[in-house]
Structures are given as C-alpha cells and as structure tokens.
Amino acid sequence: MDNEFIGLVSLDKHVDGGTEVSYEFLPTWWRSGYATEVLSQVINFSFNELELSRVIAETQTANAPSCRLLEQLNGKL
C-alpha cells in the first residue's frame, strides 16, 4: 500500500440540524467497493461510538451511482 489519496469522508452538522455524512472519491476509485465499505464503517461508528440517533446523507438524483449506494446503505442510515 502506498498511502495514495483516494477521496474523503466526513461527518458534519447538517444545515437542517443533525449530522450528515459526506463523501467524495476520485474517479479512479469509483466502482471499487471502497465507498460502500468506508461509509458502512462511518455509519456504524456514528451510531455505536458517537451514539447518534440519526445520520443524514444526500446526493443529486442525477448521480445514479451515488443514489444506488445510499439506497443500499439506507437500512443503516
């Protein structure tokens, strides 16, 4: 492993209150499973360690891959 930057994931305050998970990966790393794996872990951490009651995630409807990812993770959000 060469510690190459592949993207970012963050937890921040949402404009409407609550906590939002945000993510952005470089195109080279799309469709590799990293977003699913990392977001799953961040969501689990949010509920189990930070004891949040809700996590918000949003994307544009035109971003079909991201919509599918959030649908897949919906049971965890």
PDB file of N, CA and C in Angstrom:
ATOM      1  N   MET A   1       0.845  -1.173   0.000  1.00  0.00           N
ATOM      2  CA  MET A   1       0.000   0.000   0.000  1.00  0.00           C
ATOM      3  C   MET A   1       0.892   1.239   0.000  1.00  0.00           C
ATOM      4  N   ASP A   2       0.528   2.225  -0.791  1.00  0.00           N
ATOM      5  CA  ASP A   2       1.386   3.400  -0.917  1.00  0.00           C
ATOM      6  C   ASP A   2       0.772   4.664  -0.316  1.00  0.00           C
ATOM      7  N   ASN A   3      -0.280   4.543   0.484  1.00  0.00           N
ATOM      8  CA  ASN A   3      -0.930   5.689   1.128  1.00  0.00           C
ATOM      9  C   ASN A   3      -1.441   6.717   0.139  1.00  0.00           C
ATOM     10  N   GLU A   4      -1.852   6.272  -1.025  1.00  0.00           N
ATOM     11  CA  GLU A   4      -2.384   7.161  -2.050  1.00  0.00           C
ATOM     12  C   GLU A   4      -3.737   7.716  -1.616  1.00  0.00           C
ATOM     13  N   PHE A   5      -3.949   9.003  -1.853  1.00  0.00           N
ATOM     14  CA  PHE A   5      -5.224   9.645  -1.545  1.00  0.00           C
ATOM     15  C   PHE A   5      -6.273   9.162  -2.538  1.00  0.00           C
ATOM     16  N   ILE A   6      -7.400   8.654  -2.028  1.00  0.00           N
ATOM     17  CA  ILE A   6      -8.456   8.169  -2.917  1.00  0.00           C
ATOM     18  C   ILE A   6      -9.745   8.969  -2.772  1.00  0.00           C
ATOM     19  N   GLY A   7      -9.856   9.770  -1.731  1.00  0.00           N
ATOM     20  CA  GLY A   7     -11.065  10.566  -1.540  1.00  0.00           C
ATOM     21  C   GLY A   7     -11.219  10.944  -0.087  1.00  0.00           C
ATOM     22  N   LEU A   8     -12.435  11.369   0.261  1.00  0.00           N
ATOM     23  CA  LEU A   8     -12.672  11.781   1.632  1.00  0.00           C
ATOM     24  C   LEU A   8     -14.076  11.404   2.073  1.00  0.00           C
ATOM     25  N   VAL A   9     -14.211  11.249   3.374  1.00  0.00           N
ATOM     26  CA  VAL A   9     -15.495  11.000   4.021  1.00  0.00           C
ATOM     27  C   VAL A   9     -15.494  11.841   5.284  1.00  0.00           C
ATOM     28  N   SER A  10     -16.618  12.508   5.565  1.00  0.00           N
ATOM     29  CA  SER A  10     -16.669  13.349   6.753  1.00  0.00           C
ATOM     30  C   SER A  10     -18.046  13.296   7.397  1.00  0.00           C
ATOM     31  N   LEU A  11     -18.068  13.637   8.669  1.00  0.00           N
ATOM     32  CA  LEU A  11     -19.299  13.847   9.410  1.00  0.00           C
ATOM     33  C   LEU A  11     -19.341  15.317   9.794  1.00  0.00           C
ATOM     34  N   ASP A  12     -20.417  15.990   9.451  1.00  0.00           N
ATOM     35  CA  ASP A  12     -20.555  17.417   9.718  1.00  0.00           C
ATOM     36  C   ASP A  12     -21.983  17.719  10.150  1.00  0.00           C
ATOM     37  N   LYS A  13     -22.167  18.903  10.715  1.00  0.00           N
ATOM     38  CA  LYS A  13     -23.515  19.351  11.043  1.00  0.00           C
ATOM     39  C   LYS A  13     -24.280  19.596   9.751  1.00  0.00           C
ATOM     40  N   HIS A  14     -25.514  19.131   9.704  1.00  0.00           N
ATOM     41  CA  HIS A  14     -26.389  19.338   8.547  1.00  0.00           C
ATOM     42  C   HIS A  14     -27.071  20.682   8.698  1.00  0.00           C
ATOM     43  N   VAL A  15     -27.343  21.342   7.596  1.00  0.00           N
ATOM     44  CA  VAL A  15     -27.957  22.666   7.610  1.00  0.00           C
ATOM     45  C   VAL A  15     -29.296  22.659   8.347  1.00  0.00           C
ATOM     46  N   ASP A  16     -30.021  21.550   8.309  1.00  0.00           N
ATOM     47  CA  ASP A  16     -31.323  21.441   8.976  1.00  0.00           C
ATOM     48  C   ASP A  16     -31.212  20.861  10.382  1.00  0.00           C
ATOM     49  N   GLY A  17     -30.000  20.734  10.891  1.00  0.00           N
ATOM     50  CA  GLY A  17     -29.784  20.102  12.190  1.00  0.00           C
ATOM     51  C   GLY A  17     -29.388  18.653  11.977  1.00  0.00           C
ATOM     52  N   GLY A  18     -28.892  18.029  13.000  1.00  0.00           N
ATOM     53  CA  GLY A  18     -28.453  16.647  12.876  1.00  0.00           C
ATOM     54  C   GLY A  18     -27.055  16.555  12.292  1.00  0.00           C
ATOM     55  N   THR A  19     -26.683  15.361  11.923  1.00  0.00           N
ATOM     56  CA  THR A  19     -25.341  15.088  11.409  1.00  0.00           C
ATOM     57  C   THR A  19     -25.438  14.481  10.025  1.00  0.00           C
ATOM     58  N   GLU A  20     -24.604  14.967   9.125  1.00  0.00           N
ATOM     59  CA  GLU A  20     -24.591  14.493   7.747  1.00  0.00           C
ATOM     60  C   GLU A  20     -23.272  13.795   7.452  1.00  0.00           C
ATOM     61  N   VAL A  21     -23.351  12.664   6.772  1.00  0.00           N
ATOM     62  CA  VAL A  21     -22.153  12.008   6.268  1.00  0.00           C
ATOM     63  C   VAL A  21     -21.974  12.459   4.815  1.00  0.00           C
ATOM     64  N   SER A  22     -20.785  12.928   4.495  1.00  0.00           N
ATOM     65  CA  SER A  22     -20.455  13.379   3.139  1.00  0.00           C
ATOM     66  C   SER A  22     -19.301  12.535   2.617  1.00  0.00           C
ATOM     67  N   TYR A  23     -19.251  12.363   1.310  1.00  0.00           N
ATOM     68  CA  TYR A  23     -18.192  11.547   0.733  1.00  0.00           C
ATOM     69  C   TYR A  23     -17.900  12.001  -0.689  1.00  0.00           C
ATOM     70  N   GLU A  24     -16.663  11.801  -1.070  1.00  0.00           N
ATOM     71  CA  GLU A  24     -16.225  12.099  -2.435  1.00  0.00           C
ATOM     72  C   GLU A  24     -14.971  11.279  -2.700  1.00  0.00           C
ATOM     73  N   PHE A  25     -15.020  10.477  -3.744  1.00  0.00           N
ATOM     74  CA  PHE A  25     -13.877   9.656  -4.112  1.00  0.00           C
ATOM     75  C   PHE A  25     -13.404  10.066  -5.500  1.00  0.00           C
ATOM     76  N   LEU A  26     -12.128   9.952  -5.737  1.00  0.00           N
ATOM     77  CA  LEU A  26     -11.590  10.245  -7.055  1.00  0.00           C
ATOM     78  C   LEU A  26     -12.124   9.222  -8.060  1.00  0.00           C
ATOM     79  N   PRO A  27     -12.390   9.641  -9.293  1.00  0.00           N
ATOM     80  CA  PRO A  27     -12.980   8.736 -10.291  1.00  0.00           C
ATOM     81  C   PRO A  27     -12.236   7.421 -10.479  1.00  0.00           C
ATOM     82  N   THR A  28     -10.926   7.449 -10.318  1.00  0.00           N
ATOM     83  CA  THR A  28     -10.140   6.224 -10.453  1.00  0.00           C
ATOM     84  C   THR A  28     -10.620   5.139  -9.495  1.00  0.00           C
ATOM     85  N   TRP A  29     -11.181   5.540  -8.377  1.00  0.00           N
ATOM     86  CA  TRP A  29     -11.569   4.603  -7.329  1.00  0.00           C
ATOM     87  C   TRP A  29     -13.071   4.310  -7.302  1.00  0.00           C
ATOM     88  N   TRP A  30     -13.821   4.883  -8.230  1.00  0.00           N
ATOM     89  CA  TRP A  30     -15.250   4.582  -8.318  1.00  0.00           C
ATOM     90  C   TRP A  30     -15.443   3.114  -8.663  1.00  0.00           C
ATOM     91  N   ARG A  31     -16.546   2.568  -8.229  1.00  0.00           N
ATOM     92  CA  ARG A  31     -16.948   1.182  -8.521  1.00  0.00           C
ATOM     93  C   ARG A  31     -15.934   0.146  -8.027  1.00  0.00           C
ATOM     94  N   SER A  32     -15.228   0.482  -6.973  1.00  0.00           N
ATOM     95  CA  SER A  32     -14.240  -0.444  -6.420  1.00  0.00           C
ATOM     96  C   SER A  32     -14.687  -1.020  -5.077  1.00  0.00           C
ATOM     97  N   GLY A  33     -15.809  -0.527  -4.553  1.00  0.00           N
ATOM     98  CA  GLY A  33     -16.307  -1.006  -3.268  1.00  0.00           C
ATOM     99  C   GLY A  33     -15.842  -0.206  -2.068  1.00  0.00           C
ATOM    100  N   TYR A  34     -14.907   0.721  -2.285  1.00  0.00           N
ATOM    101  CA  TYR A  34     -14.389   1.492  -1.157  1.00  0.00           C
ATOM    102  C   TYR A  34     -15.468   2.365  -0.515  1.00  0.00           C
ATOM    103  N   ALA A  35     -16.298   3.014  -1.310  1.00  0.00           N
ATOM    104  CA  ALA A  35     -17.335   3.896  -0.753  1.00  0.00           C
ATOM    105  C   ALA A  35     -18.297   3.091   0.119  1.00  0.00           C
ATOM    106  N   THR A  36     -18.720   1.947  -0.345  1.00  0.00           N
ATOM    107  CA  THR A  36     -19.627   1.108   0.436  1.00  0.00           C
ATOM    108  C   THR A  36     -18.985   0.699   1.750  1.00  0.00           C
ATOM    109  N   GLU A  37     -17.755   0.240   1.683  1.00  0.00           N
ATOM    110  CA  GLU A  37     -17.061  -0.218   2.880  1.00  0.00           C
ATOM    111  C   GLU A  37     -16.826   0.919   3.877  1.00  0.00           C
ATOM    112  N   VAL A  38     -16.310   2.029   3.400  1.00  0.00           N
ATOM    113  CA  VAL A  38     -15.984   3.140   4.292  1.00  0.00           C
ATOM    114  C   VAL A  38     -17.251   3.756   4.882  1.00  0.00           C
ATOM    115  N   LEU A  39     -18.255   3.982   4.055  1.00  0.00           N
ATOM    116  CA  LEU A  39     -19.489   4.576   4.569  1.00  0.00           C
ATOM    117  C   LEU A  39     -20.165   3.657   5.579  1.00  0.00           C
ATOM    118  N   SER A  40     -20.148   2.362   5.343  1.00  0.00           N
ATOM    119  CA  SER A  40     -20.705   1.425   6.315  1.00  0.00           C
ATOM    120  C   SER A  40     -20.020   1.571   7.665  1.00  0.00           C
ATOM    121  N   GLN A  41     -18.701   1.655   7.642  1.00  0.00           N
ATOM    122  CA  GLN A  41     -17.942   1.783   8.884  1.00  0.00           C
ATOM    123  C   GLN A  41     -18.199   3.121   9.573  1.00  0.00           C
ATOM    124  N   VAL A  42     -18.261   4.198   8.814  1.00  0.00           N
ATOM    125  CA  VAL A  42     -18.521   5.519   9.391  1.00  0.00           C
ATOM    126  C   VAL A  42     -19.922   5.583   9.987  1.00  0.00           C
ATOM    127  N   ILE A  43     -20.889   5.005   9.306  1.00  0.00           N
ATOM    128  CA  ILE A  43     -22.257   4.991   9.817  1.00  0.00           C
ATOM    129  C   ILE A  43     -22.327   4.164  11.102  1.00  0.00           C
ATOM    130  N   ASN A  44     -21.709   2.990  11.097  1.00  0.00           N
ATOM    131  CA  ASN A  44     -21.677   2.171  12.317  1.00  0.00           C
ATOM    132  C   ASN A  44     -21.009   2.917  13.467  1.00  0.00           C
ATOM    133  N   PHE A  45     -19.906   3.589  13.192  1.00  0.00           N
ATOM    134  CA  PHE A  45     -19.212   4.384  14.202  1.00  0.00           C
ATOM    135  C   PHE A  45     -20.123   5.486  14.730  1.00  0.00           C
ATOM    136  N   SER A  46     -20.863   6.124  13.829  1.00  0.00           N
ATOM    137  CA  SER A  46     -21.750   7.221  14.224  1.00  0.00           C
ATOM    138  C   SER A  46     -22.795   6.769  15.231  1.00  0.00           C
ATOM    139  N   PHE A  47     -23.383   5.611  14.982  1.00  0.00           N
ATOM    140  CA  PHE A  47     -24.425   5.111  15.873  1.00  0.00           C
ATOM    141  C   PHE A  47     -23.855   4.441  17.124  1.00  0.00           C
ATOM    142  N   ASN A  48     -22.833   3.629  16.950  1.00  0.00           N
ATOM    143  CA  ASN A  48     -22.333   2.821  18.063  1.00  0.00           C
ATOM    144  C   ASN A  48     -21.349   3.537  18.974  1.00  0.00           C
ATOM    145  N   GLU A  49     -20.504   4.379  18.423  1.00  0.00           N
ATOM    146  CA  GLU A  49     -19.495   5.066  19.239  1.00  0.00           C
ATOM    147  C   GLU A  49     -19.912   6.493  19.596  1.00  0.00           C
ATOM    148  N   LEU A  50     -20.427   7.223  18.610  1.00  0.00           N
ATOM    149  CA  LEU A  50     -20.860   8.601  18.870  1.00  0.00           C
ATOM    150  C   LEU A  50     -22.275   8.653  19.430  1.00  0.00           C
ATOM    151  N   GLU A  51     -22.977   7.517  19.356  1.00  0.00           N
ATOM    152  CA  GLU A  51     -24.335   7.382  19.866  1.00  0.00           C
ATOM    153  C   GLU A  51     -25.306   8.395  19.250  1.00  0.00           C
ATOM    154  N   LEU A  52     -25.142   8.633  17.946  1.00  0.00           N
ATOM    155  CA  LEU A  52     -26.083   9.499  17.236  1.00  0.00           C
ATOM    156  C   LEU A  52     -27.372   8.725  16.995  1.00  0.00           C
ATOM    157  N   SER A  53     -28.471   9.435  16.976  1.00  0.00           N
ATOM    158  CA  SER A  53     -29.753   8.764  16.732  1.00  0.00           C
ATOM    159  C   SER A  53     -30.133   8.777  15.257  1.00  0.00           C
ATOM    160  N   ARG A  54     -29.459   9.623  14.479  1.00  0.00           N
ATOM    161  CA  ARG A  54     -29.782   9.739  13.059  1.00  0.00           C
ATOM    162  C   ARG A  54     -28.580  10.285  12.299  1.00  0.00           C
ATOM    163  N   VAL A  55     -28.358   9.787  11.100  1.00  0.00           N
ATOM    164  CA  VAL A  55     -27.320  10.284  10.205  1.00  0.00           C
ATOM    165  C   VAL A  55     -27.990  10.575   8.872  1.00  0.00           C
ATOM    166  N   ILE A  56     -27.698  11.730   8.294  1.00  0.00           N
ATOM    167  CA  ILE A  56     -28.293  12.181   7.042  1.00  0.00           C
ATOM    168  C   ILE A  56     -27.272  12.029   5.922  1.00  0.00           C
ATOM    169  N   ALA A  57     -27.730  11.585   4.758  1.00  0.00           N
ATOM    170  CA  ALA A  57     -26.889  11.534   3.560  1.00  0.00           C
ATOM    171  C   ALA A  57     -27.738  11.997   2.391  1.00  0.00           C
ATOM    172  N   GLU A  58     -27.184  12.858   1.556  1.00  0.00           N
ATOM    173  CA  GLU A  58     -27.907  13.392   0.407  1.00  0.00           C
ATOM    174  C   GLU A  58     -27.034  13.321  -0.836  1.00  0.00           C
ATOM    175  N   THR A  59     -27.686  13.230  -1.979  1.00  0.00           N
ATOM    176  CA  THR A  59     -26.994  13.302  -3.253  1.00  0.00           C
ATOM    177  C   THR A  59     -27.964  13.845  -4.287  1.00  0.00           C
ATOM    178  N   GLN A  60     -27.463  14.176  -5.446  1.00  0.00           N
ATOM    179  CA  GLN A  60     -28.321  14.644  -6.533  1.00  0.00           C
ATOM    180  C   GLN A  60     -28.941  13.440  -7.230  1.00  0.00           C
ATOM    181  N   THR A  61     -30.192  13.575  -7.640  1.00  0.00           N
ATOM    182  CA  THR A  61     -30.863  12.468  -8.312  1.00  0.00           C
ATOM    183  C   THR A  61     -30.164  12.094  -9.615  1.00  0.00           C
ATOM    184  N   ALA A  62     -29.449  13.036 -10.233  1.00  0.00           N
ATOM    185  CA  ALA A  62     -28.730  12.749 -11.475  1.00  0.00           C
ATOM    186  C   ALA A  62     -27.510  11.851 -11.242  1.00  0.00           C
ATOM    187  N   ASN A  63     -27.074  11.745 -10.004  1.00  0.00           N
ATOM    188  CA  ASN A  63     -25.908  10.918  -9.671  1.00  0.00           C
ATOM    189  C   ASN A  63     -26.396   9.503  -9.332  1.00  0.00           C
ATOM    190  N   ALA A  64     -26.739   8.752 -10.364  1.00  0.00           N
ATOM    191  CA  ALA A  64     -27.328   7.422 -10.181  1.00  0.00           C
ATOM    192  C   ALA A  64     -26.463   6.477  -9.338  1.00  0.00           C
ATOM    193  N   PRO A  65     -25.139   6.410  -9.542  1.00  0.00           N
ATOM    194  CA  PRO A  65     -24.337   5.504  -8.709  1.00  0.00           C
ATOM    195  C   PRO A  65     -24.402   5.863  -7.221  1.00  0.00           C
ATOM    196  N   SER A  66     -24.381   7.148  -6.920  1.00  0.00           N
ATOM    197  CA  SER A  66     -24.467   7.568  -5.528  1.00  0.00           C
ATOM    198  C   SER A  66     -25.853   7.287  -4.960  1.00  0.00           C
ATOM    199  N   CYS A  67     -26.881   7.468  -5.772  1.00  0.00           N
ATOM    200  CA  CYS A  67     -28.247   7.134  -5.335  1.00  0.00           C
ATOM    201  C   CYS A  67     -28.335   5.648  -4.985  1.00  0.00           C
ATOM    202  N   ARG A  68     -27.759   4.790  -5.820  1.00  0.00           N
ATOM    203  CA  ARG A  68     -27.772   3.344  -5.557  1.00  0.00           C
ATOM    204  C   ARG A  68     -27.010   3.020  -4.268  1.00  0.00           C
ATOM    205  N   LEU A  69     -25.887   3.683  -4.074  1.00  0.00           N
ATOM    206  CA  LEU A  69     -25.103   3.464  -2.871  1.00  0.00           C
ATOM    207  C   LEU A  69     -25.918   3.823  -1.635  1.00  0.00           C
ATOM    208  N   LEU A  70     -26.564   4.977  -1.646  1.00  0.00           N
ATOM    209  CA  LEU A  70     -27.350   5.392  -0.492  1.00  0.00           C
ATOM    210  C   LEU A  70     -28.564   4.492  -0.283  1.00  0.00           C
ATOM    211  N   GLU A  71     -29.155   4.030  -1.354  1.00  0.00           N
ATOM    212  CA  GLU A  71     -30.271   3.076  -1.225  1.00  0.00           C
ATOM    213  C   GLU A  71     -29.776   1.789  -0.564  1.00  0.00           C
ATOM    214  N   GLN A  72     -28.600   1.341  -0.979  1.00  0.00           N
ATOM    215  CA  GLN A  72     -28.019   0.122  -0.410  1.00  0.00           C
ATOM    216  C   GLN A  72     -27.746   0.301   1.082  1.00  0.00           C
ATOM    217  N   LEU A  73     -27.296   1.487   1.480  1.00  0.00           N
ATOM    218  CA  LEU A  73     -26.956   1.761   2.868  1.00  0.00           C
ATOM    219  C   LEU A  73     -28.141   2.269   3.686  1.00  0.00           C
ATOM    220  N   ASN A  74     -29.283   2.441   3.060  1.00  0.00           N
ATOM    221  CA  ASN A  74     -30.443   3.051   3.704  1.00  0.00           C
ATOM    222  C   ASN A  74     -30.811   2.396   5.023  1.00  0.00           C
ATOM    223  N   GLY A  75     -30.704   1.117   5.132  1.00  0.00           N
ATOM    224  CA  GLY A  75     -31.037   0.435   6.367  1.00  0.00           C
ATOM    225  C   GLY A  75     -30.126   0.824   7.523  1.00  0.00           C
ATOM    226  N   LYS A  76     -28.967   1.391   7.201  1.00  0.00           N
ATOM    227  CA  LYS A  76     -28.019   1.791   8.234  1.00  0.00           C
ATOM    228  C   LYS A  76     -28.158   3.264   8.597  1.00  0.00           C
ATOM    229  N   LEU A  77     -28.798   4.045   7.714  1.00  0.00           N
ATOM    230  CA  LEU A  77     -28.933   5.486   7.952  1.00  0.00           C
ATOM    231  C   LEU A  77     -30.113   5.788   8.848  1.00  0.00           C
TER     232      LEU A  77
END
